[in-house]
Amino acid sequence: MTLQTDARAETGRPDSLSRQAYLAIREGIILGRYPQGSRLAEQRLAEELQVSRVPLREAVPQLEMDGFVRTFPRRGAVVAQWDRKAVDDLFDLRLCLEVGAARFAARQISRGAPLQLLDDALTSSQNVVHEGDAYQIAQASTKYHEAIVDLADNELMKILMRSVSGRMLWLFYLTSQLDADDAFEDHVTLRDAIASGNERVAESVAYAHIERDRLPSFTALAS
């Protein structure tokens, strides 16, 4: 595996080597190439990604901040592990963040904001569900939830969402055996609730959508 030197950030600018290293290692963790609880050996990673150790050392703090690794004295970086508390923590945070975002997104719609961003994310999600690729489905689902936060138009919410969306992607992928069609139908219902401009309806639908998958996620992780 090598880093793509022409990778682009969302801004269209070339990604730095440390950013490319971050994305490559993150994807490897999500896909299980670097198993939970395993040590990320710096030399091996440098050889796999064909980079010096400098961008790897720059990538690790961001990976730790986003919940993908933990660092220990004399052991270095170790891939984080999912347990009951980690799952509950993520769901609890999502309820705090995304339910509020759905409310504010509905408020923006009632004030005349366009729904195009959310509709585009929904269309993308629909397309990948039919293709059946678990990683792409997880990515599309994550981007849909990011679009709701973007529509809420709250910069602090956007910053918080960026810090948690990687963990959401990871858990969505690990629980990909859950019915993607059901999740998509929930996304349609949530889109319609936000489009109504009714803040309380959008809140309640968002809460139900997020909470519905908490217990099934435990079951999926245990299987």
N, C-alpha and C. Protein backbone atom coordinates (compact mmCIF):
# COMPACT_ATOMS: atom_id res chain seq x y z
N MET A 1 0.85 -1.19 0.00
CA MET A 1 0.00 0.00 0.00
C MET A 1 0.88 1.24 0.00
N THR A 2 0.58 2.18 -0.85
CA THR A 2 1.33 3.43 -0.89
C THR A 2 0.36 4.59 -0.79
N LEU A 3 0.88 5.72 -0.34
CA LEU A 3 0.06 6.93 -0.28
C LEU A 3 -0.15 7.49 -1.67
N GLN A 4 -1.33 8.04 -1.88
CA GLN A 4 -1.63 8.67 -3.16
C GLN A 4 -1.13 10.10 -3.13
N THR A 5 -0.09 10.38 -3.91
CA THR A 5 0.51 11.70 -3.86
C THR A 5 -0.39 12.77 -4.46
N ASP A 6 -1.41 12.36 -5.23
CA ASP A 6 -2.32 13.37 -5.79
C ASP A 6 -3.62 13.44 -5.03
N ALA A 7 -3.64 12.89 -3.78
CA ALA A 7 -4.87 12.96 -2.99
C ALA A 7 -5.24 14.41 -2.76
N ARG A 8 -6.54 14.63 -2.65
CA ARG A 8 -7.04 15.99 -2.48
C ARG A 8 -7.85 16.08 -1.20
N ALA A 9 -7.65 17.18 -0.50
CA ALA A 9 -8.52 17.47 0.62
C ALA A 9 -9.85 17.97 0.07
N GLU A 10 -10.84 18.15 0.95
CA GLU A 10 -12.14 18.60 0.49
C GLU A 10 -12.07 19.99 -0.12
N THR A 11 -11.06 20.74 0.22
CA THR A 11 -10.89 22.07 -0.34
C THR A 11 -10.36 22.02 -1.76
N GLY A 12 -9.91 20.86 -2.21
CA GLY A 12 -9.32 20.77 -3.55
C GLY A 12 -7.82 20.89 -3.54
N ARG A 13 -7.22 21.21 -2.37
CA ARG A 13 -5.77 21.34 -2.30
C ARG A 13 -5.15 19.96 -2.06
N PRO A 14 -3.89 19.78 -2.49
CA PRO A 14 -3.24 18.49 -2.23
C PRO A 14 -3.12 18.26 -0.72
N ASP A 15 -3.39 17.04 -0.30
CA ASP A 15 -3.21 16.69 1.11
C ASP A 15 -1.72 16.62 1.43
N SER A 16 -1.36 17.01 2.66
CA SER A 16 0.01 16.85 3.11
C SER A 16 0.28 15.36 3.31
N LEU A 17 1.55 15.00 3.37
CA LEU A 17 1.90 13.60 3.60
C LEU A 17 1.36 13.11 4.94
N SER A 18 1.37 13.97 5.96
CA SER A 18 0.85 13.54 7.26
C SER A 18 -0.65 13.29 7.19
N ARG A 19 -1.36 14.11 6.41
CA ARG A 19 -2.79 13.91 6.24
C ARG A 19 -3.07 12.62 5.46
N GLN A 20 -2.27 12.38 4.43
CA GLN A 20 -2.42 11.14 3.68
C GLN A 20 -2.13 9.93 4.57
N ALA A 21 -1.12 10.05 5.42
CA ALA A 21 -0.80 8.96 6.34
C ALA A 21 -1.95 8.73 7.30
N TYR A 22 -2.50 9.82 7.82
CA TYR A 22 -3.65 9.72 8.72
C TYR A 22 -4.80 8.97 8.05
N LEU A 23 -5.15 9.36 6.82
CA LEU A 23 -6.28 8.75 6.12
C LEU A 23 -6.00 7.28 5.81
N ALA A 24 -4.77 6.96 5.41
CA ALA A 24 -4.43 5.58 5.08
C ALA A 24 -4.48 4.68 6.31
N ILE A 25 -3.94 5.17 7.42
CA ILE A 25 -3.95 4.36 8.64
C ILE A 25 -5.37 4.24 9.17
N ARG A 26 -6.12 5.33 9.12
CA ARG A 26 -7.51 5.29 9.59
C ARG A 26 -8.32 4.26 8.80
N GLU A 27 -8.15 4.27 7.49
CA GLU A 27 -8.87 3.29 6.67
C GLU A 27 -8.43 1.87 7.00
N GLY A 28 -7.14 1.69 7.21
CA GLY A 28 -6.64 0.37 7.58
C GLY A 28 -7.21 -0.12 8.89
N ILE A 29 -7.38 0.79 9.84
CA ILE A 29 -7.98 0.43 11.13
C ILE A 29 -9.45 0.06 10.94
N ILE A 30 -10.18 0.89 10.21
CA ILE A 30 -11.60 0.63 10.00
C ILE A 30 -11.83 -0.71 9.30
N LEU A 31 -11.02 -1.00 8.29
CA LEU A 31 -11.18 -2.23 7.52
C LEU A 31 -10.59 -3.46 8.21
N GLY A 32 -9.90 -3.25 9.33
CA GLY A 32 -9.37 -4.38 10.08
C GLY A 32 -7.99 -4.83 9.66
N ARG A 33 -7.34 -4.09 8.77
CA ARG A 33 -5.96 -4.46 8.43
C ARG A 33 -5.05 -4.27 9.63
N TYR A 34 -5.38 -3.30 10.46
CA TYR A 34 -4.68 -3.11 11.73
C TYR A 34 -5.69 -3.42 12.83
N PRO A 35 -5.68 -4.63 13.38
CA PRO A 35 -6.73 -5.08 14.30
C PRO A 35 -6.77 -4.27 15.59
N GLN A 36 -7.95 -4.26 16.19
CA GLN A 36 -8.12 -3.60 17.48
C GLN A 36 -7.16 -4.20 18.50
N GLY A 37 -6.51 -3.34 19.26
CA GLY A 37 -5.57 -3.77 20.28
C GLY A 37 -4.16 -4.05 19.79
N SER A 38 -3.96 -3.98 18.46
CA SER A 38 -2.62 -4.25 17.93
C SER A 38 -1.76 -2.99 17.97
N ARG A 39 -0.47 -3.22 18.04
CA ARG A 39 0.48 -2.10 18.06
C ARG A 39 0.79 -1.68 16.63
N LEU A 40 0.81 -0.37 16.39
CA LEU A 40 1.17 0.16 15.08
C LEU A 40 2.68 0.39 15.05
N ALA A 41 3.39 -0.57 14.51
CA ALA A 41 4.84 -0.47 14.47
C ALA A 41 5.25 0.58 13.44
N GLU A 42 5.99 1.57 13.90
CA GLU A 42 6.33 2.71 13.06
C GLU A 42 7.12 2.30 11.82
N GLN A 43 8.11 1.44 11.99
CA GLN A 43 8.93 1.04 10.87
C GLN A 43 8.11 0.29 9.82
N ARG A 44 7.25 -0.61 10.28
CA ARG A 44 6.42 -1.38 9.34
C ARG A 44 5.48 -0.47 8.57
N LEU A 45 4.87 0.50 9.28
CA LEU A 45 3.97 1.44 8.61
C LEU A 45 4.72 2.27 7.58
N ALA A 46 5.91 2.73 7.93
CA ALA A 46 6.70 3.53 7.01
C ALA A 46 7.00 2.74 5.73
N GLU A 47 7.30 1.46 5.89
CA GLU A 47 7.58 0.62 4.72
C GLU A 47 6.31 0.38 3.90
N GLU A 48 5.20 0.13 4.57
CA GLU A 48 3.95 -0.13 3.86
C GLU A 48 3.48 1.10 3.07
N LEU A 49 3.57 2.26 3.70
CA LEU A 49 3.08 3.49 3.08
C LEU A 49 4.14 4.20 2.25
N GLN A 50 5.38 3.70 2.34
CA GLN A 50 6.49 4.26 1.58
C GLN A 50 6.69 5.75 1.87
N VAL A 51 6.76 6.04 3.16
CA VAL A 51 7.03 7.40 3.61
C VAL A 51 8.05 7.33 4.73
N SER A 52 8.60 8.49 5.08
CA SER A 52 9.49 8.55 6.22
C SER A 52 8.67 8.49 7.51
N ARG A 53 9.35 8.41 8.62
CA ARG A 53 8.64 8.33 9.90
C ARG A 53 8.04 9.68 10.31
N VAL A 54 8.49 10.75 9.72
CA VAL A 54 8.02 12.08 10.14
C VAL A 54 6.52 12.25 9.94
N PRO A 55 5.96 12.00 8.74
CA PRO A 55 4.51 12.15 8.60
C PRO A 55 3.71 11.19 9.46
N LEU A 56 4.29 10.00 9.73
CA LEU A 56 3.61 9.06 10.62
C LEU A 56 3.51 9.64 12.03
N ARG A 57 4.59 10.22 12.49
CA ARG A 57 4.59 10.81 13.83
C ARG A 57 3.65 12.01 13.92
N GLU A 58 3.47 12.69 12.80
CA GLU A 58 2.52 13.80 12.78
C GLU A 58 1.08 13.32 12.72
N ALA A 59 0.86 12.14 12.12
CA ALA A 59 -0.50 11.61 11.97
C ALA A 59 -1.03 11.01 13.26
N VAL A 60 -0.16 10.43 14.08
CA VAL A 60 -0.60 9.70 15.27
C VAL A 60 -1.38 10.57 16.24
N PRO A 61 -0.96 11.80 16.57
CA PRO A 61 -1.76 12.60 17.51
C PRO A 61 -3.19 12.85 17.02
N GLN A 62 -3.36 13.05 15.72
CA GLN A 62 -4.71 13.24 15.19
C GLN A 62 -5.52 11.95 15.27
N LEU A 63 -4.87 10.83 15.00
CA LEU A 63 -5.55 9.54 15.14
C LEU A 63 -5.98 9.30 16.59
N GLU A 64 -5.14 9.71 17.52
CA GLU A 64 -5.48 9.55 18.93
C GLU A 64 -6.62 10.50 19.30
N MET A 65 -6.56 11.72 18.84
CA MET A 65 -7.60 12.70 19.14
C MET A 65 -8.96 12.23 18.62
N ASP A 66 -8.95 11.57 17.45
CA ASP A 66 -10.20 11.12 16.84
C ASP A 66 -10.63 9.74 17.31
N GLY A 67 -9.90 9.16 18.26
CA GLY A 67 -10.34 7.93 18.89
C GLY A 67 -9.94 6.65 18.21
N PHE A 68 -8.96 6.69 17.30
CA PHE A 68 -8.56 5.49 16.59
C PHE A 68 -7.38 4.77 17.24
N VAL A 69 -6.55 5.48 17.94
CA VAL A 69 -5.41 4.85 18.61
C VAL A 69 -5.27 5.43 20.01
N ARG A 70 -4.54 4.70 20.82
CA ARG A 70 -4.10 5.19 22.12
C ARG A 70 -2.58 5.06 22.14
N THR A 71 -1.91 5.98 22.77
CA THR A 71 -0.46 5.90 22.85
C THR A 71 -0.04 5.61 24.28
N PHE A 72 1.01 4.78 24.40
CA PHE A 72 1.51 4.36 25.70
C PHE A 72 3.02 4.50 25.72
N PRO A 73 3.58 4.84 26.88
CA PRO A 73 5.05 4.89 26.99
C PRO A 73 5.65 3.53 26.65
N ARG A 74 6.68 3.56 25.83
CA ARG A 74 7.45 2.38 25.43
C ARG A 74 6.70 1.42 24.50
N ARG A 75 5.39 1.60 24.35
CA ARG A 75 4.64 0.77 23.41
C ARG A 75 4.28 1.52 22.14
N GLY A 76 4.19 2.83 22.24
CA GLY A 76 3.80 3.63 21.09
C GLY A 76 2.30 3.60 20.87
N ALA A 77 1.88 3.63 19.61
CA ALA A 77 0.47 3.72 19.25
C ALA A 77 -0.14 2.32 19.17
N VAL A 78 -1.29 2.18 19.81
CA VAL A 78 -2.04 0.91 19.81
C VAL A 78 -3.45 1.21 19.31
N VAL A 79 -3.95 0.37 18.43
CA VAL A 79 -5.29 0.58 17.88
C VAL A 79 -6.33 0.49 18.99
N ALA A 80 -7.23 1.46 19.01
CA ALA A 80 -8.28 1.49 20.03
C ALA A 80 -9.21 0.29 19.88
N GLN A 81 -9.91 -0.01 20.97
CA GLN A 81 -10.82 -1.15 20.97
C GLN A 81 -12.23 -0.71 21.32
N TRP A 82 -13.20 -1.34 20.67
CA TRP A 82 -14.59 -1.06 20.96
C TRP A 82 -15.05 -1.94 22.12
N ASP A 83 -15.63 -1.33 23.13
CA ASP A 83 -16.29 -2.05 24.21
C ASP A 83 -17.63 -1.38 24.46
N ARG A 84 -18.36 -1.87 25.43
CA ARG A 84 -19.71 -1.34 25.66
C ARG A 84 -19.69 0.16 25.96
N LYS A 85 -18.72 0.59 26.77
CA LYS A 85 -18.66 2.01 27.12
C LYS A 85 -18.35 2.86 25.89
N ALA A 86 -17.45 2.39 25.03
CA ALA A 86 -17.11 3.15 23.83
C ALA A 86 -18.31 3.33 22.93
N VAL A 87 -19.11 2.27 22.79
CA VAL A 87 -20.32 2.36 21.96
C VAL A 87 -21.33 3.31 22.60
N ASP A 88 -21.56 3.14 23.90
CA ASP A 88 -22.51 4.02 24.59
C ASP A 88 -22.05 5.48 24.52
N ASP A 89 -20.76 5.71 24.71
CA ASP A 89 -20.24 7.08 24.66
C ASP A 89 -20.53 7.71 23.30
N LEU A 90 -20.32 6.94 22.24
CA LEU A 90 -20.55 7.49 20.90
C LEU A 90 -22.03 7.79 20.69
N PHE A 91 -22.90 6.86 21.08
CA PHE A 91 -24.33 7.09 20.89
C PHE A 91 -24.81 8.27 21.73
N ASP A 92 -24.32 8.37 22.96
CA ASP A 92 -24.73 9.49 23.82
C ASP A 92 -24.31 10.82 23.23
N LEU A 93 -23.09 10.88 22.71
CA LEU A 93 -22.62 12.11 22.09
C LEU A 93 -23.44 12.44 20.85
N ARG A 94 -23.73 11.42 20.05
CA ARG A 94 -24.53 11.66 18.84
C ARG A 94 -25.91 12.21 19.19
N LEU A 95 -26.50 11.70 20.27
CA LEU A 95 -27.81 12.22 20.68
C LEU A 95 -27.71 13.70 21.05
N CYS A 96 -26.65 14.05 21.75
CA CYS A 96 -26.47 15.46 22.13
C CYS A 96 -26.24 16.34 20.90
N LEU A 97 -25.39 15.88 20.00
CA LEU A 97 -24.97 16.70 18.87
C LEU A 97 -25.97 16.68 17.72
N GLU A 98 -26.34 15.49 17.28
CA GLU A 98 -27.12 15.39 16.05
C GLU A 98 -28.60 15.72 16.23
N VAL A 99 -29.16 15.45 17.40
CA VAL A 99 -30.55 15.83 17.63
C VAL A 99 -30.69 17.35 17.59
N GLY A 100 -29.74 18.02 18.23
CA GLY A 100 -29.74 19.48 18.16
C GLY A 100 -29.51 19.98 16.75
N ALA A 101 -28.62 19.31 16.02
CA ALA A 101 -28.35 19.72 14.64
C ALA A 101 -29.59 19.57 13.77
N ALA A 102 -30.35 18.48 13.97
CA ALA A 102 -31.58 18.30 13.19
C ALA A 102 -32.57 19.42 13.48
N ARG A 103 -32.64 19.81 14.74
CA ARG A 103 -33.54 20.93 15.11
C ARG A 103 -33.12 22.22 14.40
N PHE A 104 -31.83 22.52 14.46
CA PHE A 104 -31.37 23.77 13.85
C PHE A 104 -31.43 23.71 12.33
N ALA A 105 -31.25 22.51 11.77
CA ALA A 105 -31.39 22.35 10.32
C ALA A 105 -32.81 22.66 9.89
N ALA A 106 -33.79 22.15 10.66
CA ALA A 106 -35.20 22.45 10.36
C ALA A 106 -35.46 23.95 10.47
N ARG A 107 -34.83 24.58 11.45
CA ARG A 107 -34.99 26.03 11.60
C ARG A 107 -34.45 26.76 10.38
N GLN A 108 -33.29 26.32 9.89
CA GLN A 108 -32.72 26.96 8.71
C GLN A 108 -33.64 26.79 7.49
N ILE A 109 -34.23 25.61 7.36
CA ILE A 109 -35.15 25.37 6.25
C ILE A 109 -36.36 26.29 6.36
N SER A 110 -36.88 26.45 7.57
CA SER A 110 -38.04 27.33 7.76
C SER A 110 -37.72 28.78 7.42
N ARG A 111 -36.43 29.11 7.44
CA ARG A 111 -36.00 30.47 7.11
C ARG A 111 -35.60 30.61 5.64
N GLY A 112 -35.79 29.53 4.89
CA GLY A 112 -35.54 29.61 3.46
C GLY A 112 -34.25 29.01 2.97
N ALA A 113 -33.51 28.33 3.84
CA ALA A 113 -32.27 27.68 3.41
C ALA A 113 -32.59 26.54 2.45
N PRO A 114 -31.73 26.32 1.45
CA PRO A 114 -31.98 25.23 0.49
C PRO A 114 -31.71 23.86 1.12
N LEU A 115 -32.43 22.85 0.63
CA LEU A 115 -32.30 21.49 1.13
C LEU A 115 -31.35 20.66 0.25
N GLN A 116 -30.73 21.30 -0.74
CA GLN A 116 -29.97 20.57 -1.74
C GLN A 116 -28.85 19.73 -1.15
N LEU A 117 -28.15 20.27 -0.17
CA LEU A 117 -27.03 19.55 0.44
C LEU A 117 -27.49 18.21 1.02
N LEU A 118 -28.62 18.23 1.70
CA LEU A 118 -29.13 17.01 2.30
C LEU A 118 -29.68 16.06 1.25
N ASP A 119 -30.33 16.60 0.25
CA ASP A 119 -30.86 15.76 -0.83
C ASP A 119 -29.73 15.08 -1.60
N ASP A 120 -28.65 15.80 -1.82
CA ASP A 120 -27.50 15.21 -2.53
C ASP A 120 -26.91 14.06 -1.71
N ALA A 121 -26.80 14.26 -0.41
CA ALA A 121 -26.26 13.21 0.46
C ALA A 121 -27.18 12.00 0.49
N LEU A 122 -28.49 12.24 0.45
CA LEU A 122 -29.46 11.15 0.44
C LEU A 122 -29.38 10.37 -0.86
N THR A 123 -29.25 11.07 -1.97
CA THR A 123 -29.13 10.40 -3.27
C THR A 123 -27.88 9.55 -3.32
N SER A 124 -26.77 10.08 -2.84
CA SER A 124 -25.52 9.33 -2.80
C SER A 124 -25.67 8.08 -1.95
N SER A 125 -26.34 8.21 -0.81
CA SER A 125 -26.56 7.07 0.08
C SER A 125 -27.41 6.02 -0.61
N GLN A 126 -28.42 6.44 -1.32
CA GLN A 126 -29.29 5.50 -2.03
C GLN A 126 -28.52 4.72 -3.08
N ASN A 127 -27.64 5.40 -3.80
CA ASN A 127 -26.87 4.75 -4.86
C ASN A 127 -25.96 3.67 -4.31
N VAL A 128 -25.27 3.94 -3.20
CA VAL A 128 -24.31 2.97 -2.69
C VAL A 128 -24.99 1.81 -1.98
N VAL A 129 -26.18 2.06 -1.42
CA VAL A 129 -26.92 0.96 -0.79
C VAL A 129 -27.19 -0.13 -1.81
N HIS A 130 -27.54 0.29 -3.03
CA HIS A 130 -27.83 -0.69 -4.08
C HIS A 130 -26.57 -1.42 -4.55
N GLU A 131 -25.41 -0.79 -4.40
CA GLU A 131 -24.16 -1.43 -4.81
C GLU A 131 -23.69 -2.48 -3.81
N GLY A 132 -24.05 -2.31 -2.55
CA GLY A 132 -23.78 -3.33 -1.55
C GLY A 132 -22.38 -3.34 -0.96
N ASP A 133 -21.56 -2.32 -1.22
CA ASP A 133 -20.22 -2.26 -0.64
C ASP A 133 -20.32 -1.69 0.77
N ALA A 134 -19.93 -2.50 1.76
CA ALA A 134 -20.14 -2.12 3.17
C ALA A 134 -19.40 -0.83 3.53
N TYR A 135 -18.18 -0.68 3.03
CA TYR A 135 -17.41 0.51 3.38
C TYR A 135 -18.01 1.75 2.74
N GLN A 136 -18.43 1.65 1.48
CA GLN A 136 -19.06 2.79 0.82
C GLN A 136 -20.39 3.15 1.47
N ILE A 137 -21.14 2.14 1.89
CA ILE A 137 -22.40 2.41 2.58
C ILE A 137 -22.14 3.15 3.89
N ALA A 138 -21.12 2.73 4.63
CA ALA A 138 -20.77 3.39 5.88
C ALA A 138 -20.33 4.83 5.63
N GLN A 139 -19.55 5.04 4.58
CA GLN A 139 -19.12 6.39 4.23
C GLN A 139 -20.30 7.28 3.88
N ALA A 140 -21.22 6.75 3.06
CA ALA A 140 -22.37 7.54 2.62
C ALA A 140 -23.28 7.89 3.80
N SER A 141 -23.45 6.93 4.71
CA SER A 141 -24.28 7.19 5.87
C SER A 141 -23.65 8.26 6.76
N THR A 142 -22.34 8.19 6.92
CA THR A 142 -21.64 9.21 7.71
C THR A 142 -21.78 10.59 7.07
N LYS A 143 -21.61 10.65 5.76
CA LYS A 143 -21.72 11.93 5.06
C LYS A 143 -23.14 12.51 5.16
N TYR A 144 -24.14 11.63 5.18
CA TYR A 144 -25.51 12.11 5.34
C TYR A 144 -25.67 12.82 6.69
N HIS A 145 -25.15 12.21 7.73
CA HIS A 145 -25.25 12.83 9.05
C HIS A 145 -24.42 14.11 9.13
N GLU A 146 -23.29 14.11 8.45
CA GLU A 146 -22.49 15.35 8.38
C GLU A 146 -23.27 16.45 7.67
N ALA A 147 -24.03 16.09 6.65
CA ALA A 147 -24.79 17.09 5.89
C ALA A 147 -25.84 17.76 6.76
N ILE A 148 -26.44 17.00 7.69
CA ILE A 148 -27.42 17.60 8.61
C ILE A 148 -26.75 18.65 9.48
N VAL A 149 -25.56 18.32 9.99
CA VAL A 149 -24.83 19.28 10.82
C VAL A 149 -24.42 20.49 9.99
N ASP A 150 -24.00 20.27 8.76
CA ASP A 150 -23.66 21.40 7.88
C ASP A 150 -24.88 22.29 7.66
N LEU A 151 -26.04 21.67 7.47
CA LEU A 151 -27.26 22.44 7.22
C LEU A 151 -27.66 23.25 8.44
N ALA A 152 -27.31 22.77 9.63
CA ALA A 152 -27.63 23.50 10.85
C ALA A 152 -26.90 24.84 10.92
N ASP A 153 -25.78 24.94 10.19
CA ASP A 153 -25.04 26.21 10.06
C ASP A 153 -24.52 26.72 11.40
N ASN A 154 -23.94 25.80 12.18
CA ASN A 154 -23.33 26.16 13.46
C ASN A 154 -21.88 25.70 13.40
N GLU A 155 -20.95 26.63 13.41
CA GLU A 155 -19.54 26.29 13.20
C GLU A 155 -18.99 25.39 14.29
N LEU A 156 -19.39 25.59 15.53
CA LEU A 156 -18.89 24.74 16.60
C LEU A 156 -19.42 23.31 16.45
N MET A 157 -20.66 23.18 16.02
CA MET A 157 -21.21 21.85 15.76
C MET A 157 -20.42 21.15 14.65
N LYS A 158 -20.06 21.90 13.63
CA LYS A 158 -19.29 21.32 12.53
C LYS A 158 -17.94 20.81 13.02
N ILE A 159 -17.29 21.57 13.88
CA ILE A 159 -16.00 21.16 14.42
C ILE A 159 -16.15 19.88 15.24
N LEU A 160 -17.16 19.83 16.09
CA LEU A 160 -17.40 18.63 16.89
C LEU A 160 -17.72 17.43 16.00
N MET A 161 -18.49 17.66 14.95
CA MET A 161 -18.86 16.55 14.07
C MET A 161 -17.64 16.01 13.35
N ARG A 162 -16.75 16.89 12.94
CA ARG A 162 -15.53 16.41 12.27
C ARG A 162 -14.71 15.52 13.19
N SER A 163 -14.73 15.81 14.48
CA SER A 163 -13.93 15.03 15.43
C SER A 163 -14.55 13.68 15.74
N VAL A 164 -15.85 13.52 15.48
CA VAL A 164 -16.53 12.27 15.83
C VAL A 164 -16.93 11.45 14.62
N SER A 165 -16.96 12.05 13.43
CA SER A 165 -17.48 11.34 12.26
C SER A 165 -16.63 10.13 11.87
N GLY A 166 -15.33 10.17 12.14
CA GLY A 166 -14.49 9.02 11.85
C GLY A 166 -14.88 7.82 12.68
N ARG A 167 -15.18 8.03 13.94
CA ARG A 167 -15.62 6.94 14.81
C ARG A 167 -16.98 6.41 14.35
N MET A 168 -17.85 7.32 13.90
CA MET A 168 -19.13 6.88 13.36
C MET A 168 -18.93 5.98 12.15
N LEU A 169 -18.04 6.39 11.25
CA LEU A 169 -17.74 5.59 10.06
C LEU A 169 -17.24 4.21 10.47
N TRP A 170 -16.35 4.16 11.44
CA TRP A 170 -15.79 2.90 11.91
C TRP A 170 -16.89 1.98 12.45
N LEU A 171 -17.76 2.53 13.32
CA LEU A 171 -18.81 1.70 13.90
C LEU A 171 -19.83 1.29 12.84
N PHE A 172 -20.17 2.20 11.92
CA PHE A 172 -21.10 1.84 10.84
C PHE A 172 -20.54 0.67 10.04
N TYR A 173 -19.23 0.68 9.79
CA TYR A 173 -18.64 -0.41 9.01
C TYR A 173 -18.65 -1.71 9.81
N LEU A 174 -18.29 -1.63 11.09
CA LEU A 174 -18.24 -2.83 11.92
C LEU A 174 -19.62 -3.46 12.10
N THR A 175 -20.67 -2.65 11.99
CA THR A 175 -22.04 -3.15 12.15
C THR A 175 -22.77 -3.17 10.81
N SER A 176 -22.02 -3.40 9.74
CA SER A 176 -22.60 -3.33 8.40
C SER A 176 -23.61 -4.44 8.13
N GLN A 177 -23.66 -5.45 9.00
CA GLN A 177 -24.66 -6.50 8.81
C GLN A 177 -26.06 -6.03 9.17
N LEU A 178 -26.18 -4.87 9.83
CA LEU A 178 -27.50 -4.29 10.07
C LEU A 178 -28.12 -3.88 8.73
N ASP A 179 -29.43 -3.88 8.66
CA ASP A 179 -30.13 -3.66 7.39
C ASP A 179 -29.92 -2.25 6.86
N ALA A 180 -29.18 -2.12 5.74
CA ALA A 180 -28.90 -0.82 5.15
C ALA A 180 -30.15 -0.19 4.57
N ASP A 181 -31.08 -1.00 4.09
CA ASP A 181 -32.33 -0.47 3.55
C ASP A 181 -33.16 0.21 4.63
N ASP A 182 -33.19 -0.41 5.82
CA ASP A 182 -33.92 0.21 6.94
C ASP A 182 -33.30 1.54 7.31
N ALA A 183 -31.97 1.57 7.35
CA ALA A 183 -31.28 2.82 7.68
C ALA A 183 -31.59 3.89 6.64
N PHE A 184 -31.61 3.49 5.37
CA PHE A 184 -31.90 4.47 4.32
C PHE A 184 -33.32 5.02 4.47
N GLU A 185 -34.28 4.15 4.78
CA GLU A 185 -35.66 4.61 4.97
C GLU A 185 -35.73 5.59 6.14
N ASP A 186 -34.96 5.33 7.18
CA ASP A 186 -34.88 6.28 8.29
C ASP A 186 -34.33 7.62 7.83
N HIS A 187 -33.34 7.57 6.96
CA HIS A 187 -32.76 8.81 6.44
C HIS A 187 -33.79 9.61 5.64
N VAL A 188 -34.61 8.92 4.88
CA VAL A 188 -35.67 9.59 4.13
C VAL A 188 -36.66 10.25 5.09
N THR A 189 -37.05 9.52 6.13
CA THR A 189 -37.98 10.07 7.12
C THR A 189 -37.39 11.29 7.81
N LEU A 190 -36.11 11.21 8.15
CA LEU A 190 -35.44 12.33 8.81
C LEU A 190 -35.33 13.52 7.86
N ARG A 191 -35.03 13.25 6.61
CA ARG A 191 -34.97 14.33 5.62
C ARG A 191 -36.31 15.05 5.53
N ASP A 192 -37.40 14.28 5.50
CA ASP A 192 -38.73 14.88 5.38
C ASP A 192 -39.08 15.68 6.63
N ALA A 193 -38.65 15.20 7.80
CA ALA A 193 -38.91 15.93 9.04
C ALA A 193 -38.18 17.26 9.05
N ILE A 194 -36.94 17.26 8.59
CA ILE A 194 -36.18 18.50 8.52
C ILE A 194 -36.80 19.44 7.48
N ALA A 195 -37.20 18.87 6.35
CA ALA A 195 -37.79 19.67 5.27
C ALA A 195 -39.09 20.35 5.70
N SER A 196 -39.78 19.76 6.69
CA SER A 196 -41.03 20.36 7.17
C SER A 196 -40.81 21.68 7.88
N GLY A 197 -39.58 21.88 8.35
CA GLY A 197 -39.28 23.10 9.09
C GLY A 197 -39.74 23.06 10.54
N ASN A 198 -40.32 21.95 10.96
CA ASN A 198 -40.80 21.82 12.33
C ASN A 198 -39.67 21.30 13.21
N GLU A 199 -39.16 22.16 14.07
CA GLU A 199 -37.98 21.81 14.85
C GLU A 199 -38.21 20.63 15.78
N ARG A 200 -39.36 20.58 16.44
CA ARG A 200 -39.63 19.51 17.40
C ARG A 200 -39.79 18.16 16.71
N VAL A 201 -40.42 18.16 15.56
CA VAL A 201 -40.55 16.92 14.79
C VAL A 201 -39.18 16.43 14.35
N ALA A 202 -38.35 17.34 13.85
CA ALA A 202 -37.00 16.96 13.40
C ALA A 202 -36.19 16.40 14.56
N GLU A 203 -36.29 17.01 15.73
CA GLU A 203 -35.60 16.50 16.91
C GLU A 203 -36.03 15.08 17.26
N SER A 204 -37.34 14.86 17.31
CA SER A 204 -37.84 13.56 17.74
C SER A 204 -37.49 12.46 16.74
N VAL A 205 -37.55 12.77 15.45
CA VAL A 205 -37.20 11.78 14.43
C VAL A 205 -35.71 11.46 14.48
N ALA A 206 -34.87 12.50 14.67
CA ALA A 206 -33.43 12.28 14.77
C ALA A 206 -33.09 11.42 15.99
N TYR A 207 -33.74 11.71 17.11
CA TYR A 207 -33.49 10.94 18.33
C TYR A 207 -33.85 9.47 18.11
N ALA A 208 -35.02 9.23 17.53
CA ALA A 208 -35.47 7.85 17.30
C ALA A 208 -34.54 7.12 16.34
N HIS A 209 -34.07 7.82 15.30
CA HIS A 209 -33.19 7.20 14.31
C HIS A 209 -31.87 6.77 14.93
N ILE A 210 -31.28 7.64 15.74
CA ILE A 210 -29.99 7.33 16.35
C ILE A 210 -30.15 6.22 17.39
N GLU A 211 -31.13 6.37 18.28
CA GLU A 211 -31.29 5.44 19.39
C GLU A 211 -31.69 4.05 18.91
N ARG A 212 -32.38 3.97 17.78
CA ARG A 212 -32.83 2.68 17.27
C ARG A 212 -31.70 1.69 17.07
N ASP A 213 -30.51 2.18 16.72
CA ASP A 213 -29.40 1.30 16.39
C ASP A 213 -28.47 1.00 17.55
N ARG A 214 -28.74 1.55 18.74
CA ARG A 214 -27.82 1.34 19.86
C ARG A 214 -27.73 -0.16 20.22
N LEU A 215 -28.85 -0.76 20.60
CA LEU A 215 -28.81 -2.17 21.00
C LEU A 215 -28.43 -3.11 19.85
N PRO A 216 -28.96 -2.89 18.63
CA PRO A 216 -28.51 -3.74 17.53
C PRO A 216 -27.01 -3.65 17.26
N SER A 217 -26.41 -2.50 17.56
CA SER A 217 -24.96 -2.36 17.37
C SER A 217 -24.19 -3.26 18.34
N PHE A 218 -24.65 -3.36 19.58
CA PHE A 218 -24.02 -4.27 20.53
C PHE A 218 -24.10 -5.71 20.02
N THR A 219 -25.28 -6.07 19.52
CA THR A 219 -25.49 -7.43 19.02
C THR A 219 -24.58 -7.71 17.83
N ALA A 220 -24.49 -6.73 16.91
CA ALA A 220 -23.67 -6.91 15.71
C ALA A 220 -22.20 -7.03 16.06
N LEU A 221 -21.73 -6.25 17.01
CA LEU A 221 -20.32 -6.30 17.41
C LEU A 221 -19.98 -7.62 18.10
N ALA A 222 -20.97 -8.19 18.78
CA ALA A 222 -20.73 -9.43 19.51
C ALA A 222 -20.77 -10.67 18.61
N SER A 223 -21.31 -10.52 17.41
CA SER A 223 -21.50 -11.69 16.55
C SER A 223 -20.20 -12.04 15.79
